[in-house]
Amino acid sequence: PTEEHYLPLLVAAGASFGTDATRLVEGGMTY
């Protein structure tokens, strides 16, 4: 509903390099 908890994903993606492999770190669904 508001963006502030999504935006850190873009910070992390922005700090990545084009040669970086991406990896899902599973956390599941809570509540």
PDB file of all heavy atoms in Angstrom:
ATOM      1  N   PRO A   1       0.812  -1.216   0.000  1.00  0.00           N
ATOM      2  CA  PRO A   1       0.000   0.000   0.000  1.00  0.00           C
ATOM      3  C   PRO A   1       0.847   1.268   0.000  1.00  0.00           C
ATOM      4  O   PRO A   1       0.459   2.289  -0.558  1.00  0.00           O
ATOM      5  CB  PRO A   1      -0.814  -0.127   1.292  1.00  0.00           C
ATOM      6  CG  PRO A   1      -0.890  -1.614   1.533  1.00  0.00           C
ATOM      7  CD  PRO A   1       0.427  -2.147   1.072  1.00  0.00           C
ATOM      8  N   THR A   2       1.999   1.201   0.644  1.00  0.00           N
ATOM      9  CA  THR A   2       3.020   2.241   0.536  1.00  0.00           C
ATOM     10  C   THR A   2       4.316   1.556   0.100  1.00  0.00           C
ATOM     11  O   THR A   2       4.496   0.355   0.300  1.00  0.00           O
ATOM     12  CB  THR A   2       3.222   2.977   1.864  1.00  0.00           C
ATOM     13  OG1 THR A   2       3.529   2.020   2.899  1.00  0.00           O
ATOM     14  CG2 THR A   2       1.967   3.741   2.257  1.00  0.00           C
ATOM     15  N   GLU A   3       5.248   2.316  -0.457  1.00  0.00           N
ATOM     16  CA  GLU A   3       6.371   1.708  -1.161  1.00  0.00           C
ATOM     17  C   GLU A   3       7.618   1.456  -0.325  1.00  0.00           C
ATOM     18  O   GLU A   3       8.531   0.762  -0.771  1.00  0.00           O
ATOM     19  CB  GLU A   3       6.787   2.596  -2.338  1.00  0.00           C
ATOM     20  CG  GLU A   3       5.786   2.665  -3.465  1.00  0.00           C
ATOM     21  CD  GLU A   3       6.405   3.262  -4.714  1.00  0.00           C
ATOM     22  OE1 GLU A   3       6.490   4.505  -4.791  1.00  0.00           O
ATOM     23  OE2 GLU A   3       6.815   2.489  -5.594  1.00  0.00           O
ATOM     24  N   GLU A   4       7.678   1.999   0.896  1.00  0.00           N
ATOM     25  CA  GLU A   4       8.970   2.066   1.574  1.00  0.00           C
ATOM     26  C   GLU A   4       9.613   0.704   1.862  1.00  0.00           C
ATOM     27  O   GLU A   4      10.832   0.591   1.935  1.00  0.00           O
ATOM     28  CB  GLU A   4       8.854   2.878   2.871  1.00  0.00           C
ATOM     29  CG  GLU A   4       8.136   2.195   4.031  1.00  0.00           C
ATOM     30  CD  GLU A   4       6.624   2.191   3.882  1.00  0.00           C
ATOM     31  OE1 GLU A   4       6.091   2.911   2.994  1.00  0.00           O
ATOM     32  OE2 GLU A   4       5.953   1.473   4.650  1.00  0.00           O
ATOM     33  N   HIS A   5       8.793  -0.360   2.007  1.00  0.00           N
ATOM     34  CA  HIS A   5       9.380  -1.672   2.273  1.00  0.00           C
ATOM     35  C   HIS A   5       9.790  -2.422   0.994  1.00  0.00           C
ATOM     36  O   HIS A   5      10.494  -3.427   1.071  1.00  0.00           O
ATOM     37  CB  HIS A   5       8.426  -2.533   3.109  1.00  0.00           C
ATOM     38  CG  HIS A   5       8.521  -2.257   4.569  1.00  0.00           C
ATOM     39  ND1 HIS A   5       8.010  -1.120   5.145  1.00  0.00           N
ATOM     40  CD2 HIS A   5       9.098  -2.966   5.584  1.00  0.00           C
ATOM     41  CE1 HIS A   5       8.244  -1.133   6.442  1.00  0.00           C
ATOM     42  NE2 HIS A   5       8.916  -2.231   6.731  1.00  0.00           N
ATOM     43  N   TYR A   6       9.346  -1.937  -0.149  1.00  0.00           N
ATOM     44  CA  TYR A   6       9.765  -2.506  -1.434  1.00  0.00           C
ATOM     45  C   TYR A   6      11.045  -1.843  -1.936  1.00  0.00           C
ATOM     46  O   TYR A   6      11.907  -2.505  -2.535  1.00  0.00           O
ATOM     47  CB  TYR A   6       8.661  -2.331  -2.468  1.00  0.00           C
ATOM     48  CG  TYR A   6       9.011  -2.835  -3.860  1.00  0.00           C
ATOM     49  CD1 TYR A   6       8.853  -4.177  -4.202  1.00  0.00           C
ATOM     50  CD2 TYR A   6       9.519  -1.966  -4.829  1.00  0.00           C
ATOM     51  CE1 TYR A   6       9.181  -4.644  -5.475  1.00  0.00           C
ATOM     52  CE2 TYR A   6       9.845  -2.418  -6.102  1.00  0.00           C
ATOM     53  CZ  TYR A   6       9.669  -3.755  -6.414  1.00  0.00           C
ATOM     54  OH  TYR A   6      10.004  -4.215  -7.667  1.00  0.00           O
ATOM     55  N   LEU A   7      11.196  -0.551  -1.701  1.00  0.00           N
ATOM     56  CA  LEU A   7      12.297   0.208  -2.283  1.00  0.00           C
ATOM     57  C   LEU A   7      13.682  -0.324  -1.919  1.00  0.00           C
ATOM     58  O   LEU A   7      14.604  -0.244  -2.748  1.00  0.00           O
ATOM     59  CB  LEU A   7      12.170   1.688  -1.901  1.00  0.00           C
ATOM     60  CG  LEU A   7      10.917   2.387  -2.443  1.00  0.00           C
ATOM     61  CD1 LEU A   7      10.883   3.841  -1.989  1.00  0.00           C
ATOM     62  CD2 LEU A   7      10.847   2.295  -3.962  1.00  0.00           C
ATOM     63  N   PRO A   8      13.902  -0.888  -0.719  1.00  0.00           N
ATOM     64  CA  PRO A   8      15.235  -1.445  -0.441  1.00  0.00           C
ATOM     65  C   PRO A   8      15.647  -2.565  -1.397  1.00  0.00           C
ATOM     66  O   PRO A   8      16.849  -2.806  -1.581  1.00  0.00           O
ATOM     67  CB  PRO A   8      15.110  -1.952   1.004  1.00  0.00           C
ATOM     68  CG  PRO A   8      14.096  -1.030   1.615  1.00  0.00           C
ATOM     69  CD  PRO A   8      13.092  -0.815   0.525  1.00  0.00           C
ATOM     70  N   LEU A   9      14.677  -3.259  -2.013  1.00  0.00           N
ATOM     71  CA  LEU A   9      15.024  -4.245  -3.035  1.00  0.00           C
ATOM     72  C   LEU A   9      15.735  -3.566  -4.194  1.00  0.00           C
ATOM     73  O   LEU A   9      16.719  -4.087  -4.738  1.00  0.00           O
ATOM     74  CB  LEU A   9      13.766  -4.965  -3.525  1.00  0.00           C
ATOM     75  CG  LEU A   9      13.922  -5.841  -4.782  1.00  0.00           C
ATOM     76  CD1 LEU A   9      14.931  -6.959  -4.551  1.00  0.00           C
ATOM     77  CD2 LEU A   9      12.579  -6.418  -5.206  1.00  0.00           C
ATOM     78  N   LEU A  10      15.262  -2.384  -4.575  1.00  0.00           N
ATOM     79  CA  LEU A  10      15.878  -1.661  -5.681  1.00  0.00           C
ATOM     80  C   LEU A  10      17.228  -1.084  -5.276  1.00  0.00           C
ATOM     81  O   LEU A  10      18.127  -0.956  -6.114  1.00  0.00           O
ATOM     82  CB  LEU A  10      14.940  -0.567  -6.174  1.00  0.00           C
ATOM     83  CG  LEU A  10      13.699  -1.122  -6.868  1.00  0.00           C
ATOM     84  CD1 LEU A  10      12.661  -0.047  -7.090  1.00  0.00           C
ATOM     85  CD2 LEU A  10      14.074  -1.778  -8.191  1.00  0.00           C
ATOM     86  N   VAL A  11      17.393  -0.747  -4.010  1.00  0.00           N
ATOM     87  CA  VAL A  11      18.712  -0.321  -3.539  1.00  0.00           C
ATOM     88  C   VAL A  11      19.709  -1.467  -3.699  1.00  0.00           C
ATOM     89  O   VAL A  11      20.811  -1.287  -4.219  1.00  0.00           O
ATOM     90  CB  VAL A  11      18.645   0.140  -2.076  1.00  0.00           C
ATOM     91  CG1 VAL A  11      20.058   0.434  -1.544  1.00  0.00           C
ATOM     92  CG2 VAL A  11      17.762   1.376  -1.926  1.00  0.00           C
ATOM     93  N   ALA A  12      19.309  -2.663  -3.256  1.00  0.00           N
ATOM     94  CA  ALA A  12      20.196  -3.825  -3.370  1.00  0.00           C
ATOM     95  C   ALA A  12      20.474  -4.169  -4.826  1.00  0.00           C
ATOM     96  O   ALA A  12      21.610  -4.486  -5.200  1.00  0.00           O
ATOM     97  CB  ALA A  12      19.580  -5.021  -2.652  1.00  0.00           C
ATOM     98  N   ALA A  13      19.441  -4.108  -5.669  1.00  0.00           N
ATOM     99  CA  ALA A  13      19.629  -4.386  -7.095  1.00  0.00           C
ATOM    100  C   ALA A  13      20.511  -3.325  -7.745  1.00  0.00           C
ATOM    101  O   ALA A  13      21.355  -3.641  -8.595  1.00  0.00           O
ATOM    102  CB  ALA A  13      18.277  -4.463  -7.797  1.00  0.00           C
ATOM    103  N   GLY A  14      20.331  -2.080  -7.344  1.00  0.00           N
ATOM    104  CA  GLY A  14      21.161  -1.007  -7.885  1.00  0.00           C
ATOM    105  C   GLY A  14      22.620  -1.161  -7.507  1.00  0.00           C
ATOM    106  O   GLY A  14      23.510  -0.788  -8.280  1.00  0.00           O
ATOM    107  N   ALA A  15      22.876  -1.703  -6.321  1.00  0.00           N
ATOM    108  CA  ALA A  15      24.251  -1.906  -5.863  1.00  0.00           C
ATOM    109  C   ALA A  15      24.893  -3.144  -6.484  1.00  0.00           C
ATOM    110  O   ALA A  15      26.073  -3.406  -6.261  1.00  0.00           O
ATOM    111  CB  ALA A  15      24.284  -2.019  -4.338  1.00  0.00           C
ATOM    112  N   SER A  16      24.126  -3.917  -7.250  1.00  0.00           N
ATOM    113  CA  SER A  16      24.675  -5.124  -7.880  1.00  0.00           C
ATOM    114  C   SER A  16      25.409  -4.759  -9.160  1.00  0.00           C
ATOM    115  O   SER A  16      25.196  -3.707  -9.750  1.00  0.00           O
ATOM    116  CB  SER A  16      23.561  -6.134  -8.168  1.00  0.00           C
ATOM    117  OG  SER A  16      22.720  -5.675  -9.212  1.00  0.00           O
ATOM    118  N   PHE A  17      26.291  -5.668  -9.571  1.00  0.00           N
ATOM    119  CA  PHE A  17      27.022  -5.514 -10.821  1.00  0.00           C
ATOM    120  C   PHE A  17      26.414  -6.440 -11.873  1.00  0.00           C
ATOM    121  O   PHE A  17      25.816  -7.470 -11.539  1.00  0.00           O
ATOM    122  CB  PHE A  17      28.502  -5.847 -10.627  1.00  0.00           C
ATOM    123  CG  PHE A  17      29.178  -5.015  -9.570  1.00  0.00           C
ATOM    124  CD1 PHE A  17      29.968  -5.612  -8.595  1.00  0.00           C
ATOM    125  CD2 PHE A  17      29.035  -3.645  -9.544  1.00  0.00           C
ATOM    126  CE1 PHE A  17      30.597  -4.862  -7.618  1.00  0.00           C
ATOM    127  CE2 PHE A  17      29.655  -2.865  -8.571  1.00  0.00           C
ATOM    128  CZ  PHE A  17      30.443  -3.478  -7.610  1.00  0.00           C
ATOM    129  N   GLY A  18      26.606  -6.093 -13.135  1.00  0.00           N
ATOM    130  CA  GLY A  18      26.031  -6.892 -14.202  1.00  0.00           C
ATOM    131  C   GLY A  18      26.539  -8.322 -14.226  1.00  0.00           C
ATOM    132  O   GLY A  18      25.871  -9.217 -14.738  1.00  0.00           O
ATOM    133  N   THR A  19      27.729  -8.535 -13.670  1.00  0.00           N
ATOM    134  CA  THR A  19      28.309  -9.883 -13.651  1.00  0.00           C
ATOM    135  C   THR A  19      27.863 -10.702 -12.442  1.00  0.00           C
ATOM    136  O   THR A  19      28.191 -11.888 -12.347  1.00  0.00           O
ATOM    137  CB  THR A  19      29.841  -9.787 -13.644  1.00  0.00           C
ATOM    138  OG1 THR A  19      30.254  -8.960 -12.535  1.00  0.00           O
ATOM    139  CG2 THR A  19      30.352  -9.170 -14.937  1.00  0.00           C
ATOM    140  N   ASP A  20      27.128 -10.094 -11.513  1.00  0.00           N
ATOM    141  CA  ASP A  20      26.704 -10.804 -10.308  1.00  0.00           C
ATOM    142  C   ASP A  20      25.672 -11.878 -10.632  1.00  0.00           C
ATOM    143  O   ASP A  20      24.690 -11.609 -11.339  1.00  0.00           O
ATOM    144  CB  ASP A  20      26.059  -9.842  -9.297  1.00  0.00           C
ATOM    145  CG  ASP A  20      27.067  -8.951  -8.600  1.00  0.00           C
ATOM    146  OD1 ASP A  20      28.255  -9.329  -8.552  1.00  0.00           O
ATOM    147  OD2 ASP A  20      26.662  -7.879  -8.101  1.00  0.00           O
ATOM    148  N   ALA A  21      25.858 -13.048 -10.079  1.00  0.00           N
ATOM    149  CA  ALA A  21      24.794 -14.055 -10.110  1.00  0.00           C
ATOM    150  C   ALA A  21      23.751 -13.666  -9.068  1.00  0.00           C
ATOM    151  O   ALA A  21      24.075 -13.125  -8.007  1.00  0.00           O
ATOM    152  CB  ALA A  21      25.359 -15.429  -9.797  1.00  0.00           C
ATOM    153  N   THR A  22      22.481 -13.904  -9.389  1.00  0.00           N
ATOM    154  CA  THR A  22      21.407 -13.629  -8.444  1.00  0.00           C
ATOM    155  C   THR A  22      20.990 -14.922  -7.768  1.00  0.00           C
ATOM    156  O   THR A  22      21.051 -15.999  -8.355  1.00  0.00           O
ATOM    157  CB  THR A  22      20.195 -12.994  -9.139  1.00  0.00           C
ATOM    158  OG1 THR A  22      19.675 -13.905 -10.102  1.00  0.00           O
ATOM    159  CG2 THR A  22      20.592 -11.695  -9.828  1.00  0.00           C
ATOM    160  N   ARG A  23      20.550 -14.803  -6.529  1.00  0.00           N
ATOM    161  CA  ARG A  23      20.194 -15.991  -5.761  1.00  0.00           C
ATOM    162  C   ARG A  23      18.980 -15.695  -4.892  1.00  0.00           C
ATOM    163  O   ARG A  23      18.958 -14.711  -4.146  1.00  0.00           O
ATOM    164  CB  ARG A  23      21.370 -16.392  -4.869  1.00  0.00           C
ATOM    165  CG  ARG A  23      21.061 -17.454  -3.826  1.00  0.00           C
ATOM    166  CD  ARG A  23      21.322 -18.821  -4.367  1.00  0.00           C
ATOM    167  NE  ARG A  23      20.799 -19.881  -3.504  1.00  0.00           N
ATOM    168  CZ  ARG A  23      21.400 -21.044  -3.323  1.00  0.00           C
ATOM    169  NH1 ARG A  23      22.559 -21.297  -3.905  1.00  0.00           N
ATOM    170  NH2 ARG A  23      20.846 -21.979  -2.575  1.00  0.00           N
ATOM    171  N   LEU A  24      17.965 -16.527  -4.994  1.00  0.00           N
ATOM    172  CA  LEU A  24      16.836 -16.454  -4.080  1.00  0.00           C
ATOM    173  C   LEU A  24      17.271 -17.024  -2.734  1.00  0.00           C
ATOM    174  O   LEU A  24      17.870 -18.096  -2.665  1.00  0.00           O
ATOM    175  CB  LEU A  24      15.658 -17.251  -4.620  1.00  0.00           C
ATOM    176  CG  LEU A  24      14.492 -17.501  -3.650  1.00  0.00           C
ATOM    177  CD1 LEU A  24      13.749 -16.204  -3.353  1.00  0.00           C
ATOM    178  CD2 LEU A  24      13.545 -18.552  -4.212  1.00  0.00           C
ATOM    179  N   VAL A  25      16.982 -16.309  -1.668  1.00  0.00           N
ATOM    180  CA  VAL A  25      17.199 -16.801  -0.313  1.00  0.00           C
ATOM    181  C   VAL A  25      15.810 -17.022   0.276  1.00  0.00           C
ATOM    182  O   VAL A  25      15.114 -16.068   0.625  1.00  0.00           O
ATOM    183  CB  VAL A  25      18.007 -15.802   0.535  1.00  0.00           C
ATOM    184  CG1 VAL A  25      18.279 -16.387   1.923  1.00  0.00           C
ATOM    185  CG2 VAL A  25      19.319 -15.442  -0.158  1.00  0.00           C
ATOM    186  N   GLU A  26      15.408 -18.257   0.351  1.00  0.00           N
ATOM    187  CA  GLU A  26      14.022 -18.549   0.703  1.00  0.00           C
ATOM    188  C   GLU A  26      13.716 -18.207   2.160  1.00  0.00           C
ATOM    189  O   GLU A  26      14.492 -18.484   3.063  1.00  0.00           O
ATOM    190  CB  GLU A  26      13.715 -20.025   0.426  1.00  0.00           C
ATOM    191  CG  GLU A  26      13.756 -20.357  -1.059  1.00  0.00           C
ATOM    192  CD  GLU A  26      13.196 -21.731  -1.363  1.00  0.00           C
ATOM    193  OE1 GLU A  26      12.536 -22.318  -0.478  1.00  0.00           O
ATOM    194  OE2 GLU A  26      13.404 -22.212  -2.484  1.00  0.00           O
ATOM    195  N   GLY A  27      12.545 -17.601   2.329  1.00  0.00           N
ATOM    196  CA  GLY A  27      12.113 -17.236   3.674  1.00  0.00           C
ATOM    197  C   GLY A  27      10.702 -17.681   3.998  1.00  0.00           C
ATOM    198  O   GLY A  27      10.280 -17.619   5.150  1.00  0.00           O
ATOM    199  N   GLY A  28       9.962 -18.121   2.965  1.00  0.00           N
ATOM    200  CA  GLY A  28       8.590 -18.567   3.208  1.00  0.00           C
ATOM    201  C   GLY A  28       7.636 -17.404   3.421  1.00  0.00           C
ATOM    202  O   GLY A  28       7.999 -16.229   3.308  1.00  0.00           O
ATOM    203  N   MET A  29       6.392 -17.748   3.731  1.00  0.00           N
ATOM    204  CA  MET A  29       5.332 -16.761   3.953  1.00  0.00           C
ATOM    205  C   MET A  29       4.918 -16.811   5.413  1.00  0.00           C
ATOM    206  O   MET A  29       4.563 -17.863   5.938  1.00  0.00           O
ATOM    207  CB  MET A  29       4.134 -17.076   3.054  1.00  0.00           C
ATOM    208  CG  MET A  29       3.053 -16.005   3.059  1.00  0.00           C
ATOM    209  SD  MET A  29       3.508 -14.484   2.179  1.00  0.00           S
ATOM    210  CE  MET A  29       3.581 -15.056   0.471  1.00  0.00           C
ATOM    211  N   THR A  30       5.007 -15.684   6.108  1.00  0.00           N
ATOM    212  CA  THR A  30       4.617 -15.620   7.510  1.00  0.00           C
ATOM    213  C   THR A  30       3.316 -14.843   7.662  1.00  0.00           C
ATOM    214  O   THR A  30       3.014 -13.961   6.851  1.00  0.00           O
ATOM    215  CB  THR A  30       5.711 -14.954   8.363  1.00  0.00           C
ATOM    216  OG1 THR A  30       5.932 -13.620   7.888  1.00  0.00           O
ATOM    217  CG2 THR A  30       7.009 -15.732   8.275  1.00  0.00           C
ATOM    218  N   TYR A  31       2.540 -15.175   8.680  1.00  0.00           N
ATOM    219  CA  TYR A  31       1.269 -14.506   8.960  1.00  0.00           C
ATOM    220  C   TYR A  31       0.343 -14.500   7.744  1.00  0.00           C
ATOM    221  O   TYR A  31      -0.517 -13.632   7.609  1.00  0.00           O
ATOM    222  CB  TYR A  31       1.508 -13.081   9.462  1.00  0.00           C
ATOM    223  CG  TYR A  31       2.366 -13.015  10.699  1.00  0.00           C
ATOM    224  CD1 TYR A  31       3.726 -12.746  10.613  1.00  0.00           C
ATOM    225  CD2 TYR A  31       1.823 -13.268  11.955  1.00  0.00           C
ATOM    226  CE1 TYR A  31       4.524 -12.699  11.741  1.00  0.00           C
ATOM    227  CE2 TYR A  31       2.617 -13.223  13.100  1.00  0.00           C
ATOM    228  CZ  TYR A  31       3.958 -12.947  12.987  1.00  0.00           C
ATOM    229  OH  TYR A  31       4.744 -12.911  14.111  1.00  0.00           O
TER     230      TYR A  31
END
